[in-house]
């Protein structure tokens, strides 16, 4: 029975780690979305640049 308890504990720890990873990824995606919206708003607030840049590779 000791082996079964070890397997069950290992499986529980694995599932817990997967849930934590999914949560972390979701939080990071949400932060990136918020940052993107903030940058879009900032670009709209800035006046147009009087300079024309011609960049050649």
PDB file of N, CA and C in Angstrom:
ATOM      1  N   UNK A   1       0.824  -1.198   0.000  1.00  0.00           N
ATOM      2  CA  UNK A   1       0.000   0.000   0.000  1.00  0.00           C
ATOM      3  C   UNK A   1       0.863   1.255   0.000  1.00  0.00           C
ATOM      4  N   UNK A   2       2.068   1.154   0.482  1.00  0.00           N
ATOM      5  CA  UNK A   2       2.944   2.321   0.550  1.00  0.00           C
ATOM      6  C   UNK A   2       3.283   2.833  -0.842  1.00  0.00           C
ATOM      7  N   UNK A   3       3.444   1.909  -1.804  1.00  0.00           N
ATOM      8  CA  UNK A   3       3.755   2.297  -3.179  1.00  0.00           C
ATOM      9  C   UNK A   3       2.570   3.048  -3.789  1.00  0.00           C
ATOM     10  N   UNK A   4       1.366   2.606  -3.516  1.00  0.00           N
ATOM     11  CA  UNK A   4       0.176   3.275  -4.050  1.00  0.00           C
ATOM     12  C   UNK A   4       0.050   4.692  -3.504  1.00  0.00           C
ATOM     13  N   UNK A   5       0.364   4.867  -2.236  1.00  0.00           N
ATOM     14  CA  UNK A   5       0.316   6.206  -1.651  1.00  0.00           C
ATOM     15  C   UNK A   5       1.363   7.112  -2.290  1.00  0.00           C
ATOM     16  N   UNK A   6       2.527   6.559  -2.567  1.00  0.00           N
ATOM     17  CA  UNK A   6       3.582   7.338  -3.209  1.00  0.00           C
ATOM     18  C   UNK A   6       3.183   7.750  -4.618  1.00  0.00           C
ATOM     19  N   UNK A   7       2.586   6.829  -5.338  1.00  0.00           N
ATOM     20  CA  UNK A   7       2.139   7.127  -6.705  1.00  0.00           C
ATOM     21  C   UNK A   7       1.048   8.196  -6.668  1.00  0.00           C
ATOM     22  N   UNK A   8       0.107   8.043  -5.754  1.00  0.00           N
ATOM     23  CA  UNK A   8      -0.975   9.022  -5.642  1.00  0.00           C
ATOM     24  C   UNK A   8      -0.435  10.399  -5.263  1.00  0.00           C
ATOM     25  N   UNK A   9       0.515  10.445  -4.359  1.00  0.00           N
ATOM     26  CA  UNK A   9       1.107  11.718  -3.951  1.00  0.00           C
ATOM     27  C   UNK A   9       1.864  12.348  -5.112  1.00  0.00           C
ATOM     28  N   UNK A  10       2.585  11.537  -5.869  1.00  0.00           N
ATOM     29  CA  UNK A  10       3.315  12.052  -7.030  1.00  0.00           C
ATOM     30  C   UNK A  10       2.381  12.600  -8.091  1.00  0.00           C
ATOM     31  N   UNK A  11       1.286  11.888  -8.332  1.00  0.00           N
ATOM     32  CA  UNK A  11       0.303  12.343  -9.313  1.00  0.00           C
ATOM     33  C   UNK A  11      -0.338  13.657  -8.859  1.00  0.00           C
ATOM     34  N   UNK A  12      -0.652  13.744  -7.577  1.00  0.00           N
ATOM     35  CA  UNK A  12      -1.239  14.977  -7.041  1.00  0.00           C
ATOM     36  C   UNK A  12      -0.293  16.152  -7.177  1.00  0.00           C
ATOM     37  N   UNK A  13       0.981  15.914  -6.915  1.00  0.00           N
ATOM     38  CA  UNK A  13       1.974  16.983  -7.039  1.00  0.00           C
ATOM     39  C   UNK A  13       2.112  17.410  -8.497  1.00  0.00           C
ATOM     40  N   UNK A  14       2.071  16.457  -9.412  1.00  0.00           N
ATOM     41  CA  UNK A  14       2.169  16.765 -10.841  1.00  0.00           C
ATOM     42  C   UNK A  14       0.979  17.601 -11.291  1.00  0.00           C
ATOM     43  N   UNK A  15      -0.218  17.213 -10.905  1.00  0.00           N
ATOM     44  CA  UNK A  15      -1.416  17.969 -11.279  1.00  0.00           C
ATOM     45  C   UNK A  15      -1.369  19.378 -10.690  1.00  0.00           C
ATOM     46  N   UNK A  16      -0.895  19.497  -9.455  1.00  0.00           N
ATOM     47  CA  UNK A  16      -0.783  20.802  -8.820  1.00  0.00           C
ATOM     48  C   UNK A  16       0.198  21.686  -9.584  1.00  0.00           C
ATOM     49  N   UNK A  17       1.307  21.124 -10.010  1.00  0.00           N
ATOM     50  CA  UNK A  17       2.295  21.883 -10.776  1.00  0.00           C
ATOM     51  C   UNK A  17       1.726  22.319 -12.122  1.00  0.00           C
ATOM     52  N   UNK A  18       0.942  21.461 -12.760  1.00  0.00           N
ATOM     53  CA  UNK A  18       0.330  21.814 -14.041  1.00  0.00           C
ATOM     54  C   UNK A  18      -0.665  22.960 -13.880  1.00  0.00           C
ATOM     55  N   UNK A  19      -1.452  22.921 -12.829  1.00  0.00           N
ATOM     56  CA  UNK A  19      -2.422  23.980 -12.576  1.00  0.00           C
ATOM     57  C   UNK A  19      -1.694  25.295 -12.300  1.00  0.00           C
ATOM     58  N   UNK A  20      -0.638  25.242 -11.512  1.00  0.00           N
ATOM     59  CA  UNK A  20       0.130  26.450 -11.216  1.00  0.00           C
ATOM     60  C   UNK A  20       0.742  27.031 -12.489  1.00  0.00           C
ATOM     61  N   UNK A  21       1.239  26.170 -13.363  1.00  0.00           N
ATOM     62  CA  UNK A  21       1.839  26.630 -14.610  1.00  0.00           C
ATOM     63  C   UNK A  21       0.782  27.269 -15.512  1.00  0.00           C
ATOM     64  N   UNK A  22      -0.379  26.657 -15.625  1.00  0.00           N
ATOM     65  CA  UNK A  22      -1.454  27.218 -16.441  1.00  0.00           C
ATOM     66  C   UNK A  22      -1.905  28.568 -15.898  1.00  0.00           C
ATOM     67  N   UNK A  23      -1.978  28.682 -14.583  1.00  0.00           N
ATOM     68  CA  UNK A  23      -2.367  29.946 -13.961  1.00  0.00           C
ATOM     69  C   UNK A  23      -1.326  31.022 -14.249  1.00  0.00           C
ATOM     70  N   UNK A  24      -0.058  30.672 -14.119  1.00  0.00           N
ATOM     71  CA  UNK A  24       1.018  31.622 -14.372  1.00  0.00           C
ATOM     72  C   UNK A  24       0.997  32.104 -15.818  1.00  0.00           C
ATOM     73  N   UNK A  25       0.782  31.201 -16.750  1.00  0.00           N
ATOM     74  CA  UNK A  25       0.722  31.576 -18.165  1.00  0.00           C
ATOM     75  C   UNK A  25      -0.473  32.487 -18.423  1.00  0.00           C
ATOM     76  N   UNK A  26      -1.599  32.203 -17.813  1.00  0.00           N
ATOM     77  CA  UNK A  26      -2.786  33.045 -17.988  1.00  0.00           C
ATOM     78  C   UNK A  26      -2.552  34.449 -17.461  1.00  0.00           C
ATOM     79  N   UNK A  27      -1.909  34.556 -16.322  1.00  0.00           N
ATOM     80  CA  UNK A  27      -1.611  35.868 -15.747  1.00  0.00           C
ATOM     81  C   UNK A  27      -0.641  36.628 -16.643  1.00  0.00           C
ATOM     82  N   UNK A  28       0.364  35.955 -17.181  1.00  0.00           N
ATOM     83  CA  UNK A  28       1.319  36.603 -18.069  1.00  0.00           C
ATOM     84  C   UNK A  28       0.647  37.085 -19.343  1.00  0.00           C
ATOM     85  N   UNK A  29      -0.248  36.275 -19.915  1.00  0.00           N
ATOM     86  CA  UNK A  29      -0.964  36.683 -21.122  1.00  0.00           C
ATOM     87  C   UNK A  29      -1.819  37.914 -20.853  1.00  0.00           C
ATOM     88  N   UNK A  30      -2.489  37.931 -19.718  1.00  0.00           N
ATOM     89  CA  UNK A  30      -3.329  39.076 -19.368  1.00  0.00           C
ATOM     90  C   UNK A  30      -2.475  40.328 -19.197  1.00  0.00           C
ATOM     91  N   UNK A  31      -1.323  40.197 -18.571  1.00  0.00           N
ATOM     92  CA  UNK A  31      -0.427  41.345 -18.400  1.00  0.00           C
ATOM     93  C   UNK A  31       0.064  41.846 -19.754  1.00  0.00           C
ATOM     94  N   UNK A  32       0.347  40.946 -20.670  1.00  0.00           N
ATOM     95  CA  UNK A  32       0.797  41.354 -22.000  1.00  0.00           C
ATOM     96  C   UNK A  32      -0.322  42.067 -22.752  1.00  0.00           C
ATOM     97  N   UNK A  33      -1.549  41.600 -22.613  1.00  0.00           N
ATOM     98  CA  UNK A  33      -2.685  42.259 -23.253  1.00  0.00           C
ATOM     99  C   UNK A  33      -2.876  43.674 -22.708  1.00  0.00           C
ATOM    100  N   UNK A  34      -2.769  43.823 -21.403  1.00  0.00           N
ATOM    101  CA  UNK A  34      -2.917  45.136 -20.780  1.00  0.00           C
ATOM    102  C   UNK A  34      -1.803  46.070 -21.247  1.00  0.00           C
ATOM    103  N   UNK A  35      -0.592  45.559 -21.321  1.00  0.00           N
ATOM    104  CA  UNK A  35       0.540  46.359 -21.777  1.00  0.00           C
ATOM    105  C   UNK A  35       0.357  46.793 -23.233  1.00  0.00           C
ATOM    106  N   UNK A  36      -0.150  45.901 -24.065  1.00  0.00           N
ATOM    107  CA  UNK A  36      -0.385  46.240 -25.467  1.00  0.00           C
ATOM    108  C   UNK A  36      -1.421  47.360 -25.588  1.00  0.00           C
ATOM    109  N   UNK A  37      -2.492  47.278 -24.816  1.00  0.00           N
ATOM    110  CA  UNK A  37      -3.510  48.323 -24.840  1.00  0.00           C
ATOM    111  C   UNK A  37      -2.940  49.655 -24.360  1.00  0.00           C
ATOM    112  N   UNK A  38      -2.110  49.607 -23.332  1.00  0.00           N
ATOM    113  CA  UNK A  38      -1.500  50.835 -22.823  1.00  0.00           C
ATOM    114  C   UNK A  38      -0.595  51.473 -23.870  1.00  0.00           C
ATOM    115  N   UNK A  39       0.167  50.665 -24.588  1.00  0.00           N
ATOM    116  CA  UNK A  39       1.035  51.200 -25.633  1.00  0.00           C
ATOM    117  C   UNK A  39       0.232  51.782 -26.789  1.00  0.00           C
ATOM    118  N   UNK A  40      -0.879  51.159 -27.132  1.00  0.00           N
ATOM    119  CA  UNK A  40      -1.729  51.702 -28.189  1.00  0.00           C
ATOM    120  C   UNK A  40      -2.293  53.061 -27.785  1.00  0.00           C
ATOM    121  N   UNK A  41      -2.726  53.170 -26.538  1.00  0.00           N
ATOM    122  CA  UNK A  41      -3.234  54.446 -26.048  1.00  0.00           C
ATOM    123  C   UNK A  41      -2.141  55.509 -26.048  1.00  0.00           C
ATOM    124  N   UNK A  42      -0.938  55.135 -25.680  1.00  0.00           N
ATOM    125  CA  UNK A  42       0.179  56.071 -25.666  1.00  0.00           C
ATOM    126  C   UNK A  42       0.490  56.563 -27.074  1.00  0.00           C
ATOM    127  N   UNK A  43       0.461  55.666 -28.047  1.00  0.00           N
ATOM    128  CA  UNK A  43       0.715  56.055 -29.434  1.00  0.00           C
ATOM    129  C   UNK A  43      -0.342  57.030 -29.934  1.00  0.00           C
ATOM    130  N   UNK A  44      -1.572  56.834 -29.525  1.00  0.00           N
ATOM    131  CA  UNK A  44      -2.636  57.742 -29.940  1.00  0.00           C
ATOM    132  C   UNK A  44      -2.476  59.120 -29.312  1.00  0.00           C
ATOM    133  N   UNK A  45      -1.892  59.176 -28.127  1.00  0.00           N
ATOM    134  CA  UNK A  45      -1.716  60.453 -27.436  1.00  0.00           C
ATOM    135  C   UNK A  45      -0.544  61.262 -28.006  1.00  0.00           C
ATOM    136  N   UNK A  46       0.427  60.590 -28.593  1.00  0.00           N
ATOM    137  CA  UNK A  46       1.602  61.292 -29.092  1.00  0.00           C
ATOM    138  C   UNK A  46       1.278  62.066 -30.369  1.00  0.00           C
ATOM    139  N   UNK A  47       1.867  63.261 -30.504  1.00  0.00           N
ATOM    140  CA  UNK A  47       1.647  63.997 -31.754  1.00  0.00           C
ATOM    141  C   UNK A  47       2.414  63.319 -32.887  1.00  0.00           C
ATOM    142  N   UNK A  48       1.987  63.549 -34.132  1.00  0.00           N
ATOM    143  CA  UNK A  48       2.715  62.946 -35.247  1.00  0.00           C
ATOM    144  C   UNK A  48       4.125  63.521 -35.343  1.00  0.00           C
ATOM    145  N   UNK A  49       5.044  62.719 -35.752  1.00  0.00           N
ATOM    146  CA  UNK A  49       6.437  63.136 -35.855  1.00  0.00           C
ATOM    147  C   UNK A  49       6.633  63.999 -37.094  1.00  0.00           C
ATOM    148  N   UNK A  50       7.367  65.116 -36.973  1.00  0.00           N
ATOM    149  CA  UNK A  50       7.629  65.952 -38.142  1.00  0.00           C
ATOM    150  C   UNK A  50       8.752  65.388 -39.016  1.00  0.00           C
ATOM    151  N   UNK A  51       9.375  64.323 -38.579  1.00  0.00           N
ATOM    152  CA  UNK A  51      10.517  63.770 -39.300  1.00  0.00           C
ATOM    153  C   UNK A  51      10.102  62.589 -40.161  1.00  0.00           C
ATOM    154  N   UNK A  52      10.657  62.542 -41.346  1.00  0.00           N
ATOM    155  CA  UNK A  52      10.465  61.399 -42.230  1.00  0.00           C
ATOM    156  C   UNK A  52      11.756  60.625 -42.257  1.00  0.00           C
ATOM    157  N   UNK A  53      11.726  59.396 -41.853  1.00  0.00           N
ATOM    158  CA  UNK A  53      12.915  58.570 -41.837  1.00  0.00           C
ATOM    159  C   UNK A  53      12.852  57.564 -42.975  1.00  0.00           C
ATOM    160  N   UNK A  54      13.918  57.500 -43.726  1.00  0.00           N
ATOM    161  CA  UNK A  54      14.023  56.498 -44.795  1.00  0.00           C
ATOM    162  C   UNK A  54      15.132  55.533 -44.403  1.00  0.00           C
ATOM    163  N   UNK A  55      14.740  54.376 -43.950  1.00  0.00           N
ATOM    164  CA  UNK A  55      15.716  53.406 -43.460  1.00  0.00           C
ATOM    165  C   UNK A  55      15.836  52.290 -44.481  1.00  0.00           C
ATOM    166  N   UNK A  56      17.063  52.038 -44.902  1.00  0.00           N
ATOM    167  CA  UNK A  56      17.307  50.984 -45.860  1.00  0.00           C
ATOM    168  C   UNK A  56      18.150  49.899 -45.211  1.00  0.00           C
ATOM    169  N   UNK A  57      17.804  48.693 -45.505  1.00  0.00           N
ATOM    170  CA  UNK A  57      18.530  47.569 -44.909  1.00  0.00           C
ATOM    171  C   UNK A  57      19.806  47.288 -45.669  1.00  0.00           C
TER     172      UNK A  57
END
